[in-house]
PDB file of all heavy atoms in Angstrom:
ATOM      1  N   VAL A   1      -5.057  -3.173  -7.821  1.00  0.00           N
ATOM      2  CA  VAL A   1      -4.959  -3.676  -6.441  1.00  0.00           C
ATOM      3  C   VAL A   1      -3.503  -4.102  -6.208  1.00  0.00           C
ATOM      4  O   VAL A   1      -2.897  -4.756  -7.044  1.00  0.00           O
ATOM      5  CB  VAL A   1      -5.897  -4.855  -6.160  1.00  0.00           C
ATOM      6  CG1 VAL A   1      -5.813  -5.288  -4.706  1.00  0.00           C
ATOM      7  CG2 VAL A   1      -7.332  -4.512  -6.549  1.00  0.00           C
ATOM      8  N   LEU A   2      -2.966  -3.698  -5.070  1.00  0.00           N
ATOM      9  CA  LEU A   2      -1.577  -3.993  -4.714  1.00  0.00           C
ATOM     10  C   LEU A   2      -1.544  -5.136  -3.727  1.00  0.00           C
ATOM     11  O   LEU A   2      -2.230  -5.106  -2.697  1.00  0.00           O
ATOM     12  CB  LEU A   2      -0.951  -2.727  -4.091  1.00  0.00           C
ATOM     13  CG  LEU A   2       0.548  -2.730  -3.810  1.00  0.00           C
ATOM     14  CD1 LEU A   2       1.361  -2.855  -5.063  1.00  0.00           C
ATOM     15  CD2 LEU A   2       0.923  -1.402  -3.093  1.00  0.00           C
ATOM     16  N   PHE A   3      -0.739  -6.179  -4.030  1.00  0.00           N
ATOM     17  CA  PHE A   3      -0.606  -7.349  -3.168  1.00  0.00           C
ATOM     18  C   PHE A   3       0.836  -7.472  -2.679  1.00  0.00           C
ATOM     19  O   PHE A   3       1.792  -7.190  -3.390  1.00  0.00           O
ATOM     20  CB  PHE A   3      -0.947  -8.627  -3.953  1.00  0.00           C
ATOM     21  CG  PHE A   3      -2.418  -8.827  -4.207  1.00  0.00           C
ATOM     22  CD1 PHE A   3      -3.032  -8.200  -5.275  1.00  0.00           C
ATOM     23  CD2 PHE A   3      -3.180  -9.657  -3.398  1.00  0.00           C
ATOM     24  CE1 PHE A   3      -4.382  -8.391  -5.532  1.00  0.00           C
ATOM     25  CE2 PHE A   3      -4.511  -9.847  -3.645  1.00  0.00           C
ATOM     26  CZ  PHE A   3      -5.122  -9.198  -4.707  1.00  0.00           C
ATOM     27  N   SER A   4       0.944  -7.948  -1.440  1.00  0.00           N
ATOM     28  CA  SER A   4       2.242  -8.271  -0.866  1.00  0.00           C
ATOM     29  C   SER A   4       2.537  -9.750  -1.026  1.00  0.00           C
ATOM     30  O   SER A   4       1.719 -10.609  -0.701  1.00  0.00           O
ATOM     31  CB  SER A   4       2.252  -7.907   0.638  1.00  0.00           C
ATOM     32  OG  SER A   4       3.382  -8.492   1.264  1.00  0.00           O
ATOM     33  N   ARG A   5       3.749 -10.064  -1.510  1.00  0.00           N
ATOM     34  CA  ARG A   5       4.171 -11.451  -1.682  1.00  0.00           C
ATOM     35  C   ARG A   5       5.136 -11.871  -0.572  1.00  0.00           C
ATOM     36  O   ARG A   5       5.425 -13.072  -0.410  1.00  0.00           O
ATOM     37  CB  ARG A   5       4.872 -11.659  -3.024  1.00  0.00           C
ATOM     38  CG  ARG A   5       4.092 -11.159  -4.204  1.00  0.00           C
ATOM     39  CD  ARG A   5       4.845 -11.375  -5.514  1.00  0.00           C
ATOM     40  NE  ARG A   5       4.740 -12.744  -5.977  1.00  0.00           N
ATOM     41  CZ  ARG A   5       5.232 -13.170  -7.146  1.00  0.00           C
ATOM     42  NH1 ARG A   5       5.860 -12.325  -7.936  1.00  0.00           N
ATOM     43  NH2 ARG A   5       5.094 -14.440  -7.490  1.00  0.00           N
ATOM     44  N   ASP A   6       5.687 -10.895   0.154  1.00  0.00           N
ATOM     45  CA  ASP A   6       6.787 -11.145   1.103  1.00  0.00           C
ATOM     46  C   ASP A   6       6.366 -10.693   2.501  1.00  0.00           C
ATOM     47  O   ASP A   6       6.307  -9.499   2.777  1.00  0.00           O
ATOM     48  CB  ASP A   6       8.019 -10.386   0.635  1.00  0.00           C
ATOM     49  CG  ASP A   6       9.140 -10.406   1.656  1.00  0.00           C
ATOM     50  OD1 ASP A   6       9.227 -11.408   2.390  1.00  0.00           O
ATOM     51  OD2 ASP A   6       9.906  -9.422   1.730  1.00  0.00           O
ATOM     52  N   PRO A   7       6.092 -11.626   3.403  1.00  0.00           N
ATOM     53  CA  PRO A   7       5.686 -11.238   4.768  1.00  0.00           C
ATOM     54  C   PRO A   7       6.687 -10.325   5.467  1.00  0.00           C
ATOM     55  O   PRO A   7       6.290  -9.472   6.269  1.00  0.00           O
ATOM     56  CB  PRO A   7       5.519 -12.582   5.500  1.00  0.00           C
ATOM     57  CG  PRO A   7       5.267 -13.578   4.412  1.00  0.00           C
ATOM     58  CD  PRO A   7       6.052 -13.083   3.220  1.00  0.00           C
ATOM     59  N   ALA A   8       7.950 -10.467   5.184  1.00  0.00           N
ATOM     60  CA  ALA A   8       8.971  -9.685   5.867  1.00  0.00           C
ATOM     61  C   ALA A   8       8.891  -8.202   5.541  1.00  0.00           C
ATOM     62  O   ALA A   8       9.219  -7.351   6.370  1.00  0.00           O
ATOM     63  CB  ALA A   8      10.360 -10.206   5.516  1.00  0.00           C
ATOM     64  N   SER A   9       8.432  -7.868   4.345  1.00  0.00           N
ATOM     65  CA  SER A   9       8.357  -6.439   3.928  1.00  0.00           C
ATOM     66  C   SER A   9       6.928  -5.935   3.958  1.00  0.00           C
ATOM     67  O   SER A   9       6.687  -4.770   3.661  1.00  0.00           O
ATOM     68  CB  SER A   9       8.917  -6.270   2.522  1.00  0.00           C
ATOM     69  OG  SER A   9       8.151  -7.018   1.578  1.00  0.00           O
ATOM     70  N   ARG A  10       5.969  -6.759   4.350  1.00  0.00           N
ATOM     71  CA  ARG A  10       4.543  -6.409   4.231  1.00  0.00           C
ATOM     72  C   ARG A  10       4.180  -5.174   5.029  1.00  0.00           C
ATOM     73  O   ARG A  10       3.476  -4.272   4.548  1.00  0.00           O
ATOM     74  CB  ARG A  10       3.677  -7.596   4.637  1.00  0.00           C
ATOM     75  CG  ARG A  10       2.186  -7.413   4.431  1.00  0.00           C
ATOM     76  CD  ARG A  10       1.500  -8.779   4.483  1.00  0.00           C
ATOM     77  NE  ARG A  10       2.010  -9.622   3.423  1.00  0.00           N
ATOM     78  CZ  ARG A  10       1.921 -10.952   3.434  1.00  0.00           C
ATOM     79  NH1 ARG A  10       1.354 -11.571   4.469  1.00  0.00           N
ATOM     80  NH2 ARG A  10       2.388 -11.671   2.422  1.00  0.00           N
ATOM     81  N   ASP A  11       4.643  -5.088   6.240  1.00  0.00           N
ATOM     82  CA  ASP A  11       4.252  -3.949   7.111  1.00  0.00           C
ATOM     83  C   ASP A  11       4.750  -2.621   6.533  1.00  0.00           C
ATOM     84  O   ASP A  11       4.082  -1.606   6.667  1.00  0.00           O
ATOM     85  CB  ASP A  11       4.762  -4.135   8.526  1.00  0.00           C
ATOM     86  CG  ASP A  11       4.212  -3.063   9.444  1.00  0.00           C
ATOM     87  OD1 ASP A  11       2.994  -3.013   9.658  1.00  0.00           O
ATOM     88  OD2 ASP A  11       5.001  -2.223   9.921  1.00  0.00           O
ATOM     89  N   ALA A  12       5.922  -2.635   5.901  1.00  0.00           N
ATOM     90  CA  ALA A  12       6.446  -1.397   5.323  1.00  0.00           C
ATOM     91  C   ALA A  12       5.528  -0.879   4.229  1.00  0.00           C
ATOM     92  O   ALA A  12       5.319   0.335   4.108  1.00  0.00           O
ATOM     93  CB  ALA A  12       7.839  -1.668   4.755  1.00  0.00           C
ATOM     94  N   TYR A  13       4.926  -1.780   3.451  1.00  0.00           N
ATOM     95  CA  TYR A  13       4.002  -1.347   2.406  1.00  0.00           C
ATOM     96  C   TYR A  13       2.629  -1.030   2.958  1.00  0.00           C
ATOM     97  O   TYR A  13       1.947  -0.104   2.483  1.00  0.00           O
ATOM     98  CB  TYR A  13       3.940  -2.411   1.313  1.00  0.00           C
ATOM     99  CG  TYR A  13       5.213  -2.499   0.491  1.00  0.00           C
ATOM    100  CD1 TYR A  13       6.096  -3.559   0.689  1.00  0.00           C
ATOM    101  CD2 TYR A  13       5.544  -1.518  -0.424  1.00  0.00           C
ATOM    102  CE1 TYR A  13       7.277  -3.632  -0.037  1.00  0.00           C
ATOM    103  CE2 TYR A  13       6.703  -1.585  -1.148  1.00  0.00           C
ATOM    104  CZ  TYR A  13       7.581  -2.650  -0.950  1.00  0.00           C
ATOM    105  OH  TYR A  13       8.755  -2.697  -1.670  1.00  0.00           O
ATOM    106  N   GLN A  14       2.195  -1.755   3.984  1.00  0.00           N
ATOM    107  CA  GLN A  14       0.928  -1.436   4.614  1.00  0.00           C
ATOM    108  C   GLN A  14       0.960  -0.047   5.234  1.00  0.00           C
ATOM    109  O   GLN A  14      -0.037   0.665   5.261  1.00  0.00           O
ATOM    110  CB  GLN A  14       0.594  -2.472   5.669  1.00  0.00           C
ATOM    111  CG  GLN A  14       0.163  -3.822   5.104  1.00  0.00           C
ATOM    112  CD  GLN A  14      -0.022  -4.877   6.165  1.00  0.00           C
ATOM    113  OE1 GLN A  14       0.637  -4.867   7.206  1.00  0.00           O
ATOM    114  NE2 GLN A  14      -0.947  -5.820   5.902  1.00  0.00           N
ATOM    115  N   ALA A  15       2.145   0.353   5.713  1.00  0.00           N
ATOM    116  CA  ALA A  15       2.283   1.689   6.327  1.00  0.00           C
ATOM    117  C   ALA A  15       2.020   2.819   5.308  1.00  0.00           C
ATOM    118  O   ALA A  15       1.585   3.885   5.710  1.00  0.00           O
ATOM    119  CB  ALA A  15       3.674   1.852   6.926  1.00  0.00           C
ATOM    120  N   LEU A  16       2.240   2.563   4.044  1.00  0.00           N
ATOM    121  CA  LEU A  16       1.946   3.557   3.015  1.00  0.00           C
ATOM    122  C   LEU A  16       0.488   3.955   3.063  1.00  0.00           C
ATOM    123  O   LEU A  16       0.119   5.124   2.887  1.00  0.00           O
ATOM    124  CB  LEU A  16       2.296   3.024   1.632  1.00  0.00           C
ATOM    125  CG  LEU A  16       3.772   2.739   1.338  1.00  0.00           C
ATOM    126  CD1 LEU A  16       3.888   2.046  -0.008  1.00  0.00           C
ATOM    127  CD2 LEU A  16       4.566   4.031   1.361  1.00  0.00           C
ATOM    128  N   PHE A  17      -0.392   2.973   3.294  1.00  0.00           N
ATOM    129  CA  PHE A  17      -1.826   3.220   3.348  1.00  0.00           C
ATOM    130  C   PHE A  17      -2.216   3.821   4.705  1.00  0.00           C
ATOM    131  O   PHE A  17      -3.000   4.761   4.750  1.00  0.00           O
ATOM    132  CB  PHE A  17      -2.601   1.926   3.058  1.00  0.00           C
ATOM    133  CG  PHE A  17      -2.389   1.404   1.670  1.00  0.00           C
ATOM    134  CD1 PHE A  17      -1.343   0.539   1.369  1.00  0.00           C
ATOM    135  CD2 PHE A  17      -3.243   1.788   0.651  1.00  0.00           C
ATOM    136  CE1 PHE A  17      -1.133   0.072   0.077  1.00  0.00           C
ATOM    137  CE2 PHE A  17      -3.046   1.328  -0.650  1.00  0.00           C
ATOM    138  CZ  PHE A  17      -2.005   0.463  -0.927  1.00  0.00           C
ATOM    139  N   ARG A  18      -1.670   3.263   5.771  1.00  0.00           N
ATOM    140  CA  ARG A  18      -1.991   3.781   7.102  1.00  0.00           C
ATOM    141  C   ARG A  18      -1.606   5.255   7.232  1.00  0.00           C
ATOM    142  O   ARG A  18      -2.321   6.042   7.850  1.00  0.00           O
ATOM    143  CB  ARG A  18      -1.285   2.964   8.188  1.00  0.00           C
ATOM    144  CG  ARG A  18      -1.774   1.569   8.362  1.00  0.00           C
ATOM    145  CD  ARG A  18      -1.269   1.009   9.706  1.00  0.00           C
ATOM    146  NE  ARG A  18       0.169   1.092   9.869  1.00  0.00           N
ATOM    147  CZ  ARG A  18       1.029   0.131   9.545  1.00  0.00           C
ATOM    148  NH1 ARG A  18       0.559  -1.000   9.018  1.00  0.00           N
ATOM    149  NH2 ARG A  18       2.320   0.272   9.754  1.00  0.00           N
ATOM    150  N   GLU A  19      -0.477   5.595   6.686  1.00  0.00           N
ATOM    151  CA  GLU A  19       0.086   6.935   6.843  1.00  0.00           C
ATOM    152  C   GLU A  19      -0.217   7.870   5.662  1.00  0.00           C
ATOM    153  O   GLU A  19       0.327   8.956   5.565  1.00  0.00           O
ATOM    154  CB  GLU A  19       1.609   6.832   7.083  1.00  0.00           C
ATOM    155  CG  GLU A  19       1.948   6.042   8.342  1.00  0.00           C
ATOM    156  CD  GLU A  19       3.416   5.682   8.425  1.00  0.00           C
ATOM    157  OE1 GLU A  19       4.212   6.182   7.579  1.00  0.00           O
ATOM    158  OE2 GLU A  19       3.797   4.905   9.323  1.00  0.00           O
ATOM    159  N   ARG A  20      -1.073   7.380   4.761  1.00  0.00           N
ATOM    160  CA  ARG A  20      -1.517   8.192   3.595  1.00  0.00           C
ATOM    161  C   ARG A  20      -0.345   8.694   2.770  1.00  0.00           C
ATOM    162  O   ARG A  20      -0.305   9.824   2.333  1.00  0.00           O
ATOM    163  CB  ARG A  20      -2.396   9.371   4.070  1.00  0.00           C
ATOM    164  CG  ARG A  20      -3.639   8.919   4.833  1.00  0.00           C
ATOM    165  CD  ARG A  20      -4.457  10.100   5.309  1.00  0.00           C
ATOM    166  NE  ARG A  20      -5.579   9.646   6.127  1.00  0.00           N
ATOM    167  CZ  ARG A  20      -6.395  10.462   6.762  1.00  0.00           C
ATOM    168  NH1 ARG A  20      -6.250  11.772   6.642  1.00  0.00           N
ATOM    169  NH2 ARG A  20      -7.379   9.998   7.525  1.00  0.00           N
ATOM    170  N   ARG A  21       0.603   7.784   2.510  1.00  0.00           N
ATOM    171  CA  ARG A  21       1.769   8.103   1.708  1.00  0.00           C
ATOM    172  C   ARG A  21       1.687   7.450   0.328  1.00  0.00           C
ATOM    173  O   ARG A  21       2.699   7.304  -0.374  1.00  0.00           O
ATOM    174  CB  ARG A  21       3.062   7.677   2.419  1.00  0.00           C
ATOM    175  CG  ARG A  21       3.347   8.502   3.668  1.00  0.00           C
ATOM    176  CD  ARG A  21       4.705   8.184   4.255  1.00  0.00           C
ATOM    177  NE  ARG A  21       4.722   6.909   4.946  1.00  0.00           N
ATOM    178  CZ  ARG A  21       5.477   5.870   4.605  1.00  0.00           C
ATOM    179  NH1 ARG A  21       6.283   5.943   3.528  1.00  0.00           N
ATOM    180  NH2 ARG A  21       5.455   4.726   5.309  1.00  0.00           N
ATOM    181  N   ILE A  22       0.478   7.109  -0.089  1.00  0.00           N
ATOM    182  CA  ILE A  22       0.294   6.533  -1.422  1.00  0.00           C
ATOM    183  C   ILE A  22      -0.822   7.323  -2.106  1.00  0.00           C
ATOM    184  O   ILE A  22      -1.836   7.661  -1.500  1.00  0.00           O
ATOM    185  CB  ILE A  22      -0.090   5.019  -1.335  1.00  0.00           C
ATOM    186  CG1 ILE A  22      -0.110   4.412  -2.734  1.00  0.00           C
ATOM    187  CG2 ILE A  22      -1.372   4.792  -0.587  1.00  0.00           C
ATOM    188  CD1 ILE A  22      -0.074   2.885  -2.715  1.00  0.00           C
ATOM    189  N   ARG A  23      -0.585   7.683  -3.356  1.00  0.00           N
ATOM    190  CA  ARG A  23      -1.547   8.479  -4.102  1.00  0.00           C
ATOM    191  C   ARG A  23      -2.393   7.545  -4.953  1.00  0.00           C
ATOM    192  O   ARG A  23      -1.880   6.832  -5.806  1.00  0.00           O
ATOM    193  CB  ARG A  23      -0.825   9.494  -4.980  1.00  0.00           C
ATOM    194  CG  ARG A  23      -1.782  10.442  -5.723  1.00  0.00           C
ATOM    195  CD  ARG A  23      -1.005  11.469  -6.546  1.00  0.00           C
ATOM    196  NE  ARG A  23      -1.916  12.407  -7.195  1.00  0.00           N
ATOM    197  CZ  ARG A  23      -1.525  13.346  -8.021  1.00  0.00           C
ATOM    198  NH1 ARG A  23      -0.239  13.487  -8.328  1.00  0.00           N
ATOM    199  NH2 ARG A  23      -2.405  14.154  -8.574  1.00  0.00           N
ATOM    200  N   LYS A  24      -3.686   7.551  -4.694  1.00  0.00           N
ATOM    201  CA  LYS A  24      -4.625   6.714  -5.443  1.00  0.00           C
ATOM    202  C   LYS A  24      -5.543   7.620  -6.285  1.00  0.00           C
ATOM    203  O   LYS A  24      -6.133   8.567  -5.755  1.00  0.00           O
ATOM    204  CB  LYS A  24      -5.481   5.885  -4.470  1.00  0.00           C
ATOM    205  CG  LYS A  24      -4.686   4.900  -3.644  1.00  0.00           C
ATOM    206  CD  LYS A  24      -5.538   4.170  -2.635  1.00  0.00           C
ATOM    207  CE  LYS A  24      -5.920   5.087  -1.488  1.00  0.00           C
ATOM    208  NZ  LYS A  24      -6.727   4.380  -0.449  1.00  0.00           N
ATOM    209  N   ARG A  25      -5.634   7.354  -7.552  1.00  0.00           N
ATOM    210  CA  ARG A  25      -6.449   8.167  -8.436  1.00  0.00           C
ATOM    211  C   ARG A  25      -7.461   7.268  -9.143  1.00  0.00           C
ATOM    212  O   ARG A  25      -7.120   6.196  -9.683  1.00  0.00           O
ATOM    213  CB  ARG A  25      -5.565   8.858  -9.483  1.00  0.00           C
ATOM    214  CG  ARG A  25      -6.295   9.907 -10.334  1.00  0.00           C
ATOM    215  CD  ARG A  25      -5.292  10.645 -11.208  1.00  0.00           C
ATOM    216  NE  ARG A  25      -5.927  11.586 -12.122  1.00  0.00           N
ATOM    217  CZ  ARG A  25      -6.184  12.872 -11.834  1.00  0.00           C
ATOM    218  NH1 ARG A  25      -5.840  13.332 -10.632  1.00  0.00           N
ATOM    219  NH2 ARG A  25      -6.739  13.671 -12.709  1.00  0.00           N
ATOM    220  N   TYR A  26      -8.718   7.672  -9.074  1.00  0.00           N
ATOM    221  CA  TYR A  26      -9.825   6.940  -9.670  1.00  0.00           C
ATOM    222  C   TYR A  26     -10.432   7.767 -10.799  1.00  0.00           C
ATOM    223  O   TYR A  26     -10.285   8.996 -10.852  1.00  0.00           O
ATOM    224  CB  TYR A  26     -10.892   6.661  -8.622  1.00  0.00           C
ATOM    225  CG  TYR A  26     -10.527   5.689  -7.545  1.00  0.00           C
ATOM    226  CD1 TYR A  26      -9.620   6.038  -6.538  1.00  0.00           C
ATOM    227  CD2 TYR A  26     -11.096   4.422  -7.484  1.00  0.00           C
ATOM    228  CE1 TYR A  26      -9.286   5.156  -5.522  1.00  0.00           C
ATOM    229  CE2 TYR A  26     -10.771   3.529  -6.460  1.00  0.00           C
ATOM    230  CZ  TYR A  26      -9.868   3.900  -5.486  1.00  0.00           C
ATOM    231  OH  TYR A  26      -9.539   3.043  -4.480  1.00  0.00           O
ATOM    232  N   GLU A  27     -11.196   7.077 -11.661  1.00  0.00           N
ATOM    233  CA  GLU A  27     -12.027   7.756 -12.648  1.00  0.00           C
ATOM    234  C   GLU A  27     -13.435   7.228 -12.511  1.00  0.00           C
ATOM    235  O   GLU A  27     -13.656   6.047 -12.193  1.00  0.00           O
ATOM    236  CB  GLU A  27     -11.499   7.500 -14.056  1.00  0.00           C
ATOM    237  CG  GLU A  27     -10.172   8.163 -14.343  1.00  0.00           C
ATOM    238  CD  GLU A  27      -9.698   7.912 -15.753  1.00  0.00           C
ATOM    239  OE1 GLU A  27     -10.491   7.439 -16.590  1.00  0.00           O
ATOM    240  OE2 GLU A  27      -8.503   8.168 -16.028  1.00  0.00           O
ATOM    241  N   ALA A  28     -14.394   8.108 -12.772  1.00  0.00           N
ATOM    242  CA  ALA A  28     -15.814   7.720 -12.696  1.00  0.00           C
ATOM    243  C   ALA A  28     -16.572   8.451 -13.768  1.00  0.00           C
ATOM    244  O   ALA A  28     -16.244   9.578 -14.152  1.00  0.00           O
ATOM    245  CB  ALA A  28     -16.375   8.035 -11.323  1.00  0.00           C
TER     246      ALA A  28
END
């Protein structure tokens, strides 16, 4: 799980998820 510690940069990292620019890989 990825957490933001800095409110000033938070939206830039949230945009990775909104814009599908982060690769998430799961195993099951």
